[in-house]
Amino acid sequence: QKKPRQFSEMEESFLVTLAAQIAVIIAHAQTQGHWLISDKSVEI
């Protein structure tokens, strides 16, 4: 954010929970063989 401020505990908790949710989506995509990074010259 442009304005200097400490994000609240609720905002931090929200982001941590969101990260945990999308981790499952990323892991599933990787097990299906999708290479996700923007440099898509190599699929692993």
PDB file of all heavy atoms in Angstrom:
ATOM      1  N   GLN A   1       0.840  -1.189   0.000  1.00  0.00           N
ATOM      2  CA  GLN A   1       0.000   0.000   0.000  1.00  0.00           C
ATOM      3  C   GLN A   1       0.879   1.244   0.000  1.00  0.00           C
ATOM      4  O   GLN A   1       1.977   1.243   0.570  1.00  0.00           O
ATOM      5  CB  GLN A   1      -0.916  -0.002   1.232  1.00  0.00           C
ATOM      6  CG  GLN A   1      -2.126   0.900   1.103  1.00  0.00           C
ATOM      7  CD  GLN A   1      -3.200   0.539   2.107  1.00  0.00           C
ATOM      8  OE1 GLN A   1      -3.342  -0.628   2.475  1.00  0.00           O
ATOM      9  NE2 GLN A   1      -3.969   1.523   2.532  1.00  0.00           N
ATOM     10  N   LYS A   2       0.373   2.326  -0.650  1.00  0.00           N
ATOM     11  CA  LYS A   2       1.162   3.559  -0.762  1.00  0.00           C
ATOM     12  C   LYS A   2       1.343   4.224   0.596  1.00  0.00           C
ATOM     13  O   LYS A   2       2.436   4.680   0.929  1.00  0.00           O
ATOM     14  CB  LYS A   2       0.470   4.525  -1.730  1.00  0.00           C
ATOM     15  CG  LYS A   2       0.423   4.026  -3.174  1.00  0.00           C
ATOM     16  CD  LYS A   2      -0.366   4.969  -4.062  1.00  0.00           C
ATOM     17  CE  LYS A   2      -0.453   4.416  -5.490  1.00  0.00           C
ATOM     18  NZ  LYS A   2      -1.282   5.281  -6.371  1.00  0.00           N
ATOM     19  N   LYS A   3       0.276   4.263   1.380  1.00  0.00           N
ATOM     20  CA  LYS A   3       0.335   4.932   2.678  1.00  0.00           C
ATOM     21  C   LYS A   3       1.054   4.055   3.703  1.00  0.00           C
ATOM     22  O   LYS A   3       0.722   2.891   3.878  1.00  0.00           O
ATOM     23  CB  LYS A   3      -1.086   5.225   3.156  1.00  0.00           C
ATOM     24  CG  LYS A   3      -1.154   5.961   4.494  1.00  0.00           C
ATOM     25  CD  LYS A   3      -2.603   6.161   4.913  1.00  0.00           C
ATOM     26  CE  LYS A   3      -2.673   6.818   6.289  1.00  0.00           C
ATOM     27  NZ  LYS A   3      -4.081   7.010   6.721  1.00  0.00           N
ATOM     28  N   PRO A   4       2.057   4.619   4.390  1.00  0.00           N
ATOM     29  CA  PRO A   4       2.752   3.827   5.415  1.00  0.00           C
ATOM     30  C   PRO A   4       1.804   3.474   6.562  1.00  0.00           C
ATOM     31  O   PRO A   4       1.213   4.361   7.180  1.00  0.00           O
ATOM     32  CB  PRO A   4       3.862   4.765   5.908  1.00  0.00           C
ATOM     33  CG  PRO A   4       4.003   5.796   4.844  1.00  0.00           C
ATOM     34  CD  PRO A   4       2.649   5.957   4.239  1.00  0.00           C
ATOM     35  N   ARG A   5       1.625   2.185   6.813  1.00  0.00           N
ATOM     36  CA  ARG A   5       0.814   1.737   7.942  1.00  0.00           C
ATOM     37  C   ARG A   5       1.070   0.262   8.216  1.00  0.00           C
ATOM     38  O   ARG A   5       1.469  -0.488   7.322  1.00  0.00           O
ATOM     39  CB  ARG A   5      -0.683   1.957   7.680  1.00  0.00           C
ATOM     40  CG  ARG A   5      -1.326   0.955   6.716  1.00  0.00           C
ATOM     41  CD  ARG A   5      -2.835   1.187   6.593  1.00  0.00           C
ATOM     42  NE  ARG A   5      -3.496   0.239   5.714  1.00  0.00           N
ATOM     43  CZ  ARG A   5      -4.009  -0.924   6.106  1.00  0.00           C
ATOM     44  NH1 ARG A   5      -3.919  -1.294   7.369  1.00  0.00           N
ATOM     45  NH2 ARG A   5      -4.603  -1.726   5.232  1.00  0.00           N
ATOM     46  N   GLN A   6       0.868  -0.147   9.422  1.00  0.00           N
ATOM     47  CA  GLN A   6       0.983  -1.558   9.793  1.00  0.00           C
ATOM     48  C   GLN A   6      -0.347  -2.238   9.473  1.00  0.00           C
ATOM     49  O   GLN A   6      -1.408  -1.761   9.890  1.00  0.00           O
ATOM     50  CB  GLN A   6       1.265  -1.677  11.298  1.00  0.00           C
ATOM     51  CG  GLN A   6       1.711  -3.060  11.729  1.00  0.00           C
ATOM     52  CD  GLN A   6       3.216  -3.204  11.691  1.00  0.00           C
ATOM     53  OE1 GLN A   6       3.932  -2.219  11.597  1.00  0.00           O
ATOM     54  NE2 GLN A   6       3.697  -4.426  11.751  1.00  0.00           N
ATOM     55  N   PHE A   7      -0.304  -3.317   8.715  1.00  0.00           N
ATOM     56  CA  PHE A   7      -1.535  -4.054   8.442  1.00  0.00           C
ATOM     57  C   PHE A   7      -2.032  -4.697   9.741  1.00  0.00           C
ATOM     58  O   PHE A   7      -1.231  -5.138  10.590  1.00  0.00           O
ATOM     59  CB  PHE A   7      -1.309  -5.119   7.369  1.00  0.00           C
ATOM     60  CG  PHE A   7      -1.127  -4.559   5.987  1.00  0.00           C
ATOM     61  CD1 PHE A   7       0.138  -4.364   5.452  1.00  0.00           C
ATOM     62  CD2 PHE A   7      -2.230  -4.206   5.221  1.00  0.00           C
ATOM     63  CE1 PHE A   7       0.312  -3.841   4.178  1.00  0.00           C
ATOM     64  CE2 PHE A   7      -2.081  -3.685   3.941  1.00  0.00           C
ATOM     65  CZ  PHE A   7      -0.800  -3.495   3.418  1.00  0.00           C
ATOM     66  N   SER A   8      -3.348  -4.759   9.901  1.00  0.00           N
ATOM     67  CA  SER A   8      -3.932  -5.276  11.145  1.00  0.00           C
ATOM     68  C   SER A   8      -3.763  -6.788  11.257  1.00  0.00           C
ATOM     69  O   SER A   8      -3.460  -7.476  10.275  1.00  0.00           O
ATOM     70  CB  SER A   8      -5.429  -4.941  11.195  1.00  0.00           C
ATOM     71  OG  SER A   8      -6.140  -5.693  10.207  1.00  0.00           O
ATOM     72  N   GLU A   9      -3.984  -7.291  12.482  1.00  0.00           N
ATOM     73  CA  GLU A   9      -3.901  -8.733  12.709  1.00  0.00           C
ATOM     74  C   GLU A   9      -4.936  -9.478  11.876  1.00  0.00           C
ATOM     75  O   GLU A   9      -4.669 -10.572  11.376  1.00  0.00           O
ATOM     76  CB  GLU A   9      -4.110  -9.044  14.194  1.00  0.00           C
ATOM     77  CG  GLU A   9      -2.926  -8.692  15.073  1.00  0.00           C
ATOM     78  CD  GLU A   9      -3.121  -9.174  16.501  1.00  0.00           C
ATOM     79  OE1 GLU A   9      -4.075  -9.937  16.746  1.00  0.00           O
ATOM     80  OE2 GLU A   9      -2.312  -8.797  17.363  1.00  0.00           O
ATOM     81  N   MET A  10      -6.111  -8.889  11.712  1.00  0.00           N
ATOM     82  CA  MET A  10      -7.152  -9.527  10.916  1.00  0.00           C
ATOM     83  C   MET A  10      -6.739  -9.607   9.450  1.00  0.00           C
ATOM     84  O   MET A  10      -6.954 -10.627   8.789  1.00  0.00           O
ATOM     85  CB  MET A  10      -8.472  -8.758  11.050  1.00  0.00           C
ATOM     86  CG  MET A  10      -9.639  -9.418  10.301  1.00  0.00           C
ATOM     87  SD  MET A  10     -11.224  -8.640  10.628  1.00  0.00           S
ATOM     88  CE  MET A  10     -11.516  -9.207  12.306  1.00  0.00           C
ATOM     89  N   GLU A  11      -6.109  -8.533   8.934  1.00  0.00           N
ATOM     90  CA  GLU A  11      -5.651  -8.527   7.547  1.00  0.00           C
ATOM     91  C   GLU A  11      -4.540  -9.562   7.346  1.00  0.00           C
ATOM     92  O   GLU A  11      -4.504 -10.271   6.335  1.00  0.00           O
ATOM     93  CB  GLU A  11      -5.153  -7.130   7.168  1.00  0.00           C
ATOM     94  CG  GLU A  11      -6.268  -6.109   7.005  1.00  0.00           C
ATOM     95  CD  GLU A  11      -5.747  -4.701   6.826  1.00  0.00           C
ATOM     96  OE1 GLU A  11      -4.816  -4.314   7.576  1.00  0.00           O
ATOM     97  OE2 GLU A  11      -6.257  -3.984   5.949  1.00  0.00           O
ATOM     98  N   GLU A  12      -3.649  -9.619   8.332  1.00  0.00           N
ATOM     99  CA  GLU A  12      -2.560 -10.600   8.246  1.00  0.00           C
ATOM    100  C   GLU A  12      -3.124 -12.022   8.272  1.00  0.00           C
ATOM    101  O   GLU A  12      -2.705 -12.886   7.496  1.00  0.00           O
ATOM    102  CB  GLU A  12      -1.585 -10.398   9.411  1.00  0.00           C
ATOM    103  CG  GLU A  12      -0.368 -11.304   9.342  1.00  0.00           C
ATOM    104  CD  GLU A  12       0.653 -10.999  10.418  1.00  0.00           C
ATOM    105  OE1 GLU A  12       0.820  -9.809  10.773  1.00  0.00           O
ATOM    106  OE2 GLU A  12       1.304 -11.953  10.898  1.00  0.00           O
ATOM    107  N   SER A  13      -4.093 -12.269   9.161  1.00  0.00           N
ATOM    108  CA  SER A  13      -4.717 -13.588   9.252  1.00  0.00           C
ATOM    109  C   SER A  13      -5.425 -13.944   7.948  1.00  0.00           C
ATOM    110  O   SER A  13      -5.367 -15.092   7.488  1.00  0.00           O
ATOM    111  CB  SER A  13      -5.713 -13.601  10.416  1.00  0.00           C
ATOM    112  OG  SER A  13      -6.384 -14.832  10.474  1.00  0.00           O
ATOM    113  N   PHE A  14      -6.093 -12.949   7.340  1.00  0.00           N
ATOM    114  CA  PHE A  14      -6.782 -13.163   6.070  1.00  0.00           C
ATOM    115  C   PHE A  14      -5.799 -13.614   4.995  1.00  0.00           C
ATOM    116  O   PHE A  14      -6.047 -14.586   4.260  1.00  0.00           O
ATOM    117  CB  PHE A  14      -7.474 -11.862   5.636  1.00  0.00           C
ATOM    118  CG  PHE A  14      -8.213 -11.968   4.324  1.00  0.00           C
ATOM    119  CD1 PHE A  14      -9.551 -12.337   4.288  1.00  0.00           C
ATOM    120  CD2 PHE A  14      -7.578 -11.705   3.120  1.00  0.00           C
ATOM    121  CE1 PHE A  14     -10.253 -12.436   3.086  1.00  0.00           C
ATOM    122  CE2 PHE A  14      -8.253 -11.808   1.911  1.00  0.00           C
ATOM    123  CZ  PHE A  14      -9.590 -12.171   1.898  1.00  0.00           C
ATOM    124  N   LEU A  15      -4.656 -12.923   4.896  1.00  0.00           N
ATOM    125  CA  LEU A  15      -3.678 -13.235   3.847  1.00  0.00           C
ATOM    126  C   LEU A  15      -3.034 -14.608   4.076  1.00  0.00           C
ATOM    127  O   LEU A  15      -2.807 -15.368   3.133  1.00  0.00           O
ATOM    128  CB  LEU A  15      -2.597 -12.152   3.780  1.00  0.00           C
ATOM    129  CG  LEU A  15      -1.821 -12.101   2.456  1.00  0.00           C
ATOM    130  CD1 LEU A  15      -2.734 -11.631   1.332  1.00  0.00           C
ATOM    131  CD2 LEU A  15      -0.602 -11.193   2.558  1.00  0.00           C
ATOM    132  N   VAL A  16      -2.739 -14.926   5.344  1.00  0.00           N
ATOM    133  CA  VAL A  16      -2.152 -16.233   5.665  1.00  0.00           C
ATOM    134  C   VAL A  16      -3.115 -17.354   5.285  1.00  0.00           C
ATOM    135  O   VAL A  16      -2.723 -18.379   4.706  1.00  0.00           O
ATOM    136  CB  VAL A  16      -1.793 -16.314   7.167  1.00  0.00           C
ATOM    137  CG1 VAL A  16      -1.453 -17.752   7.566  1.00  0.00           C
ATOM    138  CG2 VAL A  16      -0.631 -15.387   7.495  1.00  0.00           C
ATOM    139  N   THR A  17      -4.415 -17.166   5.598  1.00  0.00           N
ATOM    140  CA  THR A  17      -5.425 -18.169   5.264  1.00  0.00           C
ATOM    141  C   THR A  17      -5.565 -18.322   3.754  1.00  0.00           C
ATOM    142  O   THR A  17      -5.682 -19.435   3.230  1.00  0.00           O
ATOM    143  CB  THR A  17      -6.780 -17.787   5.884  1.00  0.00           C
ATOM    144  OG1 THR A  17      -6.613 -17.533   7.279  1.00  0.00           O
ATOM    145  CG2 THR A  17      -7.800 -18.903   5.689  1.00  0.00           C
ATOM    146  N   LEU A  18      -5.550 -17.185   3.041  1.00  0.00           N
ATOM    147  CA  LEU A  18      -5.647 -17.215   1.588  1.00  0.00           C
ATOM    148  C   LEU A  18      -4.457 -17.952   0.974  1.00  0.00           C
ATOM    149  O   LEU A  18      -4.611 -18.761   0.050  1.00  0.00           O
ATOM    150  CB  LEU A  18      -5.721 -15.784   1.041  1.00  0.00           C
ATOM    151  CG  LEU A  18      -5.850 -15.638  -0.484  1.00  0.00           C
ATOM    152  CD1 LEU A  18      -7.115 -16.334  -0.989  1.00  0.00           C
ATOM    153  CD2 LEU A  18      -5.852 -14.164  -0.876  1.00  0.00           C
ATOM    154  N   ALA A  19      -3.263 -17.698   1.516  1.00  0.00           N
ATOM    155  CA  ALA A  19      -2.051 -18.365   1.015  1.00  0.00           C
ATOM    156  C   ALA A  19      -2.146 -19.876   1.202  1.00  0.00           C
ATOM    157  O   ALA A  19      -1.731 -20.653   0.333  1.00  0.00           O
ATOM    158  CB  ALA A  19      -0.814 -17.816   1.727  1.00  0.00           C
ATOM    159  N   ALA A  20      -2.692 -20.299   2.354  1.00  0.00           N
ATOM    160  CA  ALA A  20      -2.844 -21.740   2.612  1.00  0.00           C
ATOM    161  C   ALA A  20      -3.808 -22.375   1.616  1.00  0.00           C
ATOM    162  O   ALA A  20      -3.614 -23.516   1.171  1.00  0.00           O
ATOM    163  CB  ALA A  20      -3.328 -21.960   4.041  1.00  0.00           C
ATOM    164  N   GLN A  21      -4.857 -21.634   1.252  1.00  0.00           N
ATOM    165  CA  GLN A  21      -5.842 -22.150   0.302  1.00  0.00           C
ATOM    166  C   GLN A  21      -5.244 -22.279  -1.101  1.00  0.00           C
ATOM    167  O   GLN A  21      -5.421 -23.292  -1.777  1.00  0.00           O
ATOM    168  CB  GLN A  21      -7.061 -21.214   0.261  1.00  0.00           C
ATOM    169  CG  GLN A  21      -7.849 -21.150   1.557  1.00  0.00           C
ATOM    170  CD  GLN A  21      -8.694 -22.385   1.793  1.00  0.00           C
ATOM    171  OE1 GLN A  21      -9.146 -23.021   0.857  1.00  0.00           O
ATOM    172  NE2 GLN A  21      -8.891 -22.745   3.046  1.00  0.00           N
ATOM    173  N   ILE A  22      -4.531 -21.242  -1.549  1.00  0.00           N
ATOM    174  CA  ILE A  22      -3.989 -21.295  -2.910  1.00  0.00           C
ATOM    175  C   ILE A  22      -2.792 -22.237  -3.014  1.00  0.00           C
ATOM    176  O   ILE A  22      -2.454 -22.690  -4.104  1.00  0.00           O
ATOM    177  CB  ILE A  22      -3.630 -19.889  -3.447  1.00  0.00           C
ATOM    178  CG1 ILE A  22      -2.500 -19.256  -2.629  1.00  0.00           C
ATOM    179  CG2 ILE A  22      -4.842 -18.990  -3.478  1.00  0.00           C
ATOM    180  CD1 ILE A  22      -2.017 -17.935  -3.212  1.00  0.00           C
ATOM    181  N   ALA A  23      -2.168 -22.565  -1.852  1.00  0.00           N
ATOM    182  CA  ALA A  23      -1.070 -23.545  -1.865  1.00  0.00           C
ATOM    183  C   ALA A  23      -1.569 -24.883  -2.385  1.00  0.00           C
ATOM    184  O   ALA A  23      -0.874 -25.578  -3.136  1.00  0.00           O
ATOM    185  CB  ALA A  23      -0.486 -23.702  -0.466  1.00  0.00           C
ATOM    186  N   VAL A  24      -2.780 -25.244  -1.989  1.00  0.00           N
ATOM    187  CA  VAL A  24      -3.366 -26.511  -2.437  1.00  0.00           C
ATOM    188  C   VAL A  24      -3.601 -26.477  -3.944  1.00  0.00           C
ATOM    189  O   VAL A  24      -3.354 -27.462  -4.652  1.00  0.00           O
ATOM    190  CB  VAL A  24      -4.693 -26.780  -1.695  1.00  0.00           C
ATOM    191  CG1 VAL A  24      -5.350 -28.061  -2.206  1.00  0.00           C
ATOM    192  CG2 VAL A  24      -4.458 -26.860  -0.194  1.00  0.00           C
ATOM    193  N   ILE A  25      -4.065 -25.320  -4.447  1.00  0.00           N
ATOM    194  CA  ILE A  25      -4.318 -25.171  -5.887  1.00  0.00           C
ATOM    195  C   ILE A  25      -3.009 -25.286  -6.671  1.00  0.00           C
ATOM    196  O   ILE A  25      -2.933 -25.966  -7.699  1.00  0.00           O
ATOM    197  CB  ILE A  25      -5.004 -23.817  -6.170  1.00  0.00           C
ATOM    198  CG1 ILE A  25      -6.377 -23.775  -5.492  1.00  0.00           C
ATOM    199  CG2 ILE A  25      -5.140 -23.575  -7.671  1.00  0.00           C
ATOM    200  CD1 ILE A  25      -7.062 -22.417  -5.537  1.00  0.00           C
ATOM    201  N   ILE A  26      -1.957 -24.630  -6.166  1.00  0.00           N
ATOM    202  CA  ILE A  26      -0.655 -24.682  -6.838  1.00  0.00           C
ATOM    203  C   ILE A  26      -0.102 -26.100  -6.839  1.00  0.00           C
ATOM    204  O   ILE A  26       0.365 -26.612  -7.859  1.00  0.00           O
ATOM    205  CB  ILE A  26       0.350 -23.723  -6.156  1.00  0.00           C
ATOM    206  CG1 ILE A  26      -0.095 -22.272  -6.343  1.00  0.00           C
ATOM    207  CG2 ILE A  26       1.757 -23.918  -6.722  1.00  0.00           C
ATOM    208  CD1 ILE A  26       0.702 -21.277  -5.516  1.00  0.00           C
ATOM    209  N   ALA A  27      -0.152 -26.759  -5.670  1.00  0.00           N
ATOM    210  CA  ALA A  27       0.369 -28.129  -5.567  1.00  0.00           C
ATOM    211  C   ALA A  27      -0.368 -29.061  -6.511  1.00  0.00           C
ATOM    212  O   ALA A  27       0.241 -29.920  -7.165  1.00  0.00           O
ATOM    213  CB  ALA A  27       0.257 -28.623  -4.122  1.00  0.00           C
ATOM    214  N   HIS A  28      -1.691 -28.905  -6.600  1.00  0.00           N
ATOM    215  CA  HIS A  28      -2.476 -29.749  -7.497  1.00  0.00           C
ATOM    216  C   HIS A  28      -2.079 -29.506  -8.952  1.00  0.00           C
ATOM    217  O   HIS A  28      -1.920 -30.455  -9.734  1.00  0.00           O
ATOM    218  CB  HIS A  28      -3.966 -29.461  -7.309  1.00  0.00           C
ATOM    219  CG  HIS A  28      -4.849 -30.226  -8.251  1.00  0.00           C
ATOM    220  ND1 HIS A  28      -5.054 -31.583  -8.145  1.00  0.00           N
ATOM    221  CD2 HIS A  28      -5.553 -29.827  -9.347  1.00  0.00           C
ATOM    222  CE1 HIS A  28      -5.853 -31.995  -9.106  1.00  0.00           C
ATOM    223  NE2 HIS A  28      -6.173 -30.954  -9.855  1.00  0.00           N
ATOM    224  N   ALA A  29      -1.899 -28.233  -9.314  1.00  0.00           N
ATOM    225  CA  ALA A  29      -1.506 -27.907 -10.690  1.00  0.00           C
ATOM    226  C   ALA A  29      -0.154 -28.511 -11.031  1.00  0.00           C
ATOM    227  O   ALA A  29       0.057 -29.028 -12.124  1.00  0.00           O
ATOM    228  CB  ALA A  29      -1.472 -26.388 -10.873  1.00  0.00           C
ATOM    229  N   GLN A  30       0.774 -28.482 -10.065  1.00  0.00           N
ATOM    230  CA  GLN A  30       2.109 -29.025 -10.314  1.00  0.00           C
ATOM    231  C   GLN A  30       2.088 -30.539 -10.459  1.00  0.00           C
ATOM    232  O   GLN A  30       2.813 -31.102 -11.276  1.00  0.00           O
ATOM    233  CB  GLN A  30       3.068 -28.589  -9.199  1.00  0.00           C
ATOM    234  CG  GLN A  30       3.396 -27.106  -9.255  1.00  0.00           C
ATOM    235  CD  GLN A  30       4.322 -26.670  -8.138  1.00  0.00           C
ATOM    236  OE1 GLN A  30       4.486 -27.369  -7.139  1.00  0.00           O
ATOM    237  NE2 GLN A  30       4.921 -25.501  -8.291  1.00  0.00           N
ATOM    238  N   THR A  31       1.247 -31.213  -9.672  1.00  0.00           N
ATOM    239  CA  THR A  31       1.165 -32.680  -9.814  1.00  0.00           C
ATOM    240  C   THR A  31       0.545 -33.076 -11.141  1.00  0.00           C
ATOM    241  O   THR A  31       0.771 -34.176 -11.636  1.00  0.00           O
ATOM    242  CB  THR A  31       0.341 -33.311  -8.680  1.00  0.00           C
ATOM    243  OG1 THR A  31      -0.976 -32.737  -8.680  1.00  0.00           O
ATOM    244  CG2 THR A  31       0.986 -33.078  -7.335  1.00  0.00           C
ATOM    245  N   GLN A  32      -0.237 -32.166 -11.729  1.00  0.00           N
ATOM    246  CA  GLN A  32      -0.819 -32.430 -13.049  1.00  0.00           C
ATOM    247  C   GLN A  32       0.153 -32.104 -14.176  1.00  0.00           C
ATOM    248  O   GLN A  32      -0.175 -32.219 -15.353  1.00  0.00           O
ATOM    249  CB  GLN A  32      -2.102 -31.609 -13.238  1.00  0.00           C
ATOM    250  CG  GLN A  32      -3.219 -31.976 -12.272  1.00  0.00           C
ATOM    251  CD  GLN A  32      -3.590 -33.443 -12.351  1.00  0.00           C
ATOM    252  OE1 GLN A  32      -3.827 -33.968 -13.424  1.00  0.00           O
ATOM    253  NE2 GLN A  32      -3.617 -34.108 -11.204  1.00  0.00           N
ATOM    254  N   GLY A  33       1.372 -31.671 -13.801  1.00  0.00           N
ATOM    255  CA  GLY A  33       2.384 -31.407 -14.818  1.00  0.00           C
ATOM    256  C   GLY A  33       2.367 -29.999 -15.362  1.00  0.00           C
ATOM    257  O   GLY A  33       3.047 -29.707 -16.347  1.00  0.00           O
ATOM    258  N   HIS A  34       1.611 -29.072 -14.749  1.00  0.00           N
ATOM    259  CA  HIS A  34       1.590 -27.690 -15.241  1.00  0.00           C
ATOM    260  C   HIS A  34       2.783 -26.928 -14.666  1.00  0.00           C
ATOM    261  O   HIS A  34       2.997 -26.915 -13.457  1.00  0.00           O
ATOM    262  CB  HIS A  34       0.294 -26.997 -14.828  1.00  0.00           C
ATOM    263  CG  HIS A  34      -0.933 -27.648 -15.385  1.00  0.00           C
ATOM    264  ND1 HIS A  34      -1.138 -27.812 -16.729  1.00  0.00           N
ATOM    265  CD2 HIS A  34      -2.015 -28.199 -14.766  1.00  0.00           C
ATOM    266  CE1 HIS A  34      -2.295 -28.422 -16.927  1.00  0.00           C
ATOM    267  NE2 HIS A  34      -2.844 -28.681 -15.750  1.00  0.00           N
ATOM    268  N   TRP A  35       3.524 -26.271 -15.544  1.00  0.00           N
ATOM    269  CA  TRP A  35       4.646 -25.448 -15.107  1.00  0.00           C
ATOM    270  C   TRP A  35       4.128 -24.024 -14.990  1.00  0.00           C
ATOM    271  O   TRP A  35       3.706 -23.420 -15.954  1.00  0.00           O
ATOM    272  CB  TRP A  35       5.778 -25.547 -16.133  1.00  0.00           C
ATOM    273  CG  TRP A  35       7.040 -24.840 -15.737  1.00  0.00           C
ATOM    274  CD1 TRP A  35       7.712 -23.905 -16.457  1.00  0.00           C
ATOM    275  CD2 TRP A  35       7.783 -25.030 -14.537  1.00  0.00           C
ATOM    276  NE1 TRP A  35       8.816 -23.500 -15.784  1.00  0.00           N
ATOM    277  CE2 TRP A  35       8.893 -24.171 -14.598  1.00  0.00           C
ATOM    278  CE3 TRP A  35       7.609 -25.823 -13.401  1.00  0.00           C
ATOM    279  CZ2 TRP A  35       9.842 -24.081 -13.583  1.00  0.00           C
ATOM    280  CZ3 TRP A  35       8.546 -25.742 -12.389  1.00  0.00           C
ATOM    281  CH2 TRP A  35       9.647 -24.889 -12.482  1.00  0.00           C
ATOM    282  N   LEU A  36       4.140 -23.461 -13.790  1.00  0.00           N
ATOM    283  CA  LEU A  36       3.384 -22.252 -13.526  1.00  0.00           C
ATOM    284  C   LEU A  36       4.161 -20.955 -13.679  1.00  0.00           C
ATOM    285  O   LEU A  36       3.578 -19.900 -13.859  1.00  0.00           O
ATOM    286  CB  LEU A  36       2.819 -22.310 -12.099  1.00  0.00           C
ATOM    287  CG  LEU A  36       1.956 -23.538 -11.780  1.00  0.00           C
ATOM    288  CD1 LEU A  36       1.520 -23.489 -10.337  1.00  0.00           C
ATOM    289  CD2 LEU A  36       0.760 -23.603 -12.694  1.00  0.00           C
ATOM    290  N   ILE A  37       5.477 -20.991 -13.545  1.00  0.00           N
ATOM    291  CA  ILE A  37       6.208 -19.735 -13.552  1.00  0.00           C
ATOM    292  C   ILE A  37       6.167 -19.099 -14.922  1.00  0.00           C
ATOM    293  O   ILE A  37       5.973 -19.756 -15.936  1.00  0.00           O
ATOM    294  CB  ILE A  37       7.679 -19.924 -13.091  1.00  0.00           C
ATOM    295  CG1 ILE A  37       8.427 -20.871 -14.020  1.00  0.00           C
ATOM    296  CG2 ILE A  37       7.761 -20.390 -11.674  1.00  0.00           C
ATOM    297  CD1 ILE A  37       9.885 -20.986 -13.717  1.00  0.00           C
ATOM    298  N   SER A  38       6.362 -17.784 -14.949  1.00  0.00           N
ATOM    299  CA  SER A  38       6.170 -17.034 -16.192  1.00  0.00           C
ATOM    300  C   SER A  38       7.181 -17.404 -17.259  1.00  0.00           C
ATOM    301  O   SER A  38       6.921 -17.277 -18.439  1.00  0.00           O
ATOM    302  CB  SER A  38       6.252 -15.531 -15.891  1.00  0.00           C
ATOM    303  OG  SER A  38       7.449 -15.224 -15.204  1.00  0.00           O
ATOM    304  N   ASP A  39       8.365 -17.879 -16.845  1.00  0.00           N
ATOM    305  CA  ASP A  39       9.338 -18.362 -17.825  1.00  0.00           C
ATOM    306  C   ASP A  39       8.950 -19.798 -18.162  1.00  0.00           C
ATOM    307  O   ASP A  39       9.349 -20.747 -17.508  1.00  0.00           O
ATOM    308  CB  ASP A  39      10.754 -18.323 -17.220  1.00  0.00           C
ATOM    309  CG  ASP A  39      11.787 -18.953 -18.140  1.00  0.00           C
ATOM    310  OD1 ASP A  39      11.455 -19.206 -19.314  1.00  0.00           O
ATOM    311  OD2 ASP A  39      12.916 -19.176 -17.675  1.00  0.00           O
ATOM    312  N   LYS A  40       8.136 -19.953 -19.199  1.00  0.00           N
ATOM    313  CA  LYS A  40       7.544 -21.267 -19.495  1.00  0.00           C
ATOM    314  C   LYS A  40       8.358 -22.036 -20.528  1.00  0.00           C
ATOM    315  O   LYS A  40       7.835 -22.888 -21.218  1.00  0.00           O
ATOM    316  CB  LYS A  40       6.107 -21.091 -19.972  1.00  0.00           C
ATOM    317  CG  LYS A  40       5.173 -20.592 -18.880  1.00  0.00           C
ATOM    318  CD  LYS A  40       3.752 -20.467 -19.373  1.00  0.00           C
ATOM    319  CE  LYS A  40       3.584 -19.230 -20.209  1.00  0.00           C
ATOM    320  NZ  LYS A  40       2.185 -18.986 -20.618  1.00  0.00           N
ATOM    321  N   SER A  41       9.662 -21.713 -20.630  1.00  0.00           N
ATOM    322  CA  SER A  41      10.489 -22.408 -21.608  1.00  0.00           C
ATOM    323  C   SER A  41      10.730 -23.859 -21.194  1.00  0.00           C
ATOM    324  O   SER A  41      11.061 -24.692 -22.013  1.00  0.00           O
ATOM    325  CB  SER A  41      11.825 -21.689 -21.780  1.00  0.00           C
ATOM    326  OG  SER A  41      12.527 -21.662 -20.547  1.00  0.00           O
ATOM    327  N   VAL A  42      10.572 -24.146 -19.892  1.00  0.00           N
ATOM    328  CA  VAL A  42      10.806 -25.505 -19.408  1.00  0.00           C
ATOM    329  C   VAL A  42       9.613 -25.959 -18.569  1.00  0.00           C
ATOM    330  O   VAL A  42       9.181 -25.262 -17.664  1.00  0.00           O
ATOM    331  CB  VAL A  42      12.085 -25.579 -18.542  1.00  0.00           C
ATOM    332  CG1 VAL A  42      12.327 -27.016 -18.092  1.00  0.00           C
ATOM    333  CG2 VAL A  42      13.279 -25.058 -19.298  1.00  0.00           C
ATOM    334  N   GLU A  43       9.099 -27.121 -18.884  1.00  0.00           N
ATOM    335  CA  GLU A  43       8.073 -27.743 -18.052  1.00  0.00           C
ATOM    336  C   GLU A  43       8.740 -28.846 -17.259  1.00  0.00           C
ATOM    337  O   GLU A  43       9.507 -29.644 -17.803  1.00  0.00           O
ATOM    338  CB  GLU A  43       6.968 -28.333 -18.932  1.00  0.00           C
ATOM    339  CG  GLU A  43       5.894 -29.057 -18.130  1.00  0.00           C
ATOM    340  CD  GLU A  43       4.883 -29.778 -19.009  1.00  0.00           C
ATOM    341  OE1 GLU A  43       4.924 -29.565 -20.243  1.00  0.00           O
ATOM    342  OE2 GLU A  43       4.085 -30.555 -18.478  1.00  0.00           O
ATOM    343  N   ILE A  44       8.494 -28.888 -15.954  1.00  0.00           N
ATOM    344  CA  ILE A  44       9.109 -29.906 -15.097  1.00  0.00           C
ATOM    345  C   ILE A  44       8.021 -30.810 -14.535  1.00  0.00           C
ATOM    346  O   ILE A  44       7.029 -30.340 -13.987  1.00  0.00           O
ATOM    347  CB  ILE A  44       9.918 -29.274 -13.951  1.00  0.00           C
ATOM    348  CG1 ILE A  44      11.094 -28.472 -14.506  1.00  0.00           C
ATOM    349  CG2 ILE A  44      10.420 -30.349 -12.998  1.00  0.00           C
ATOM    350  CD1 ILE A  44      11.979 -27.872 -13.453  1.00  0.00           C
TER     351      ILE A  44
END
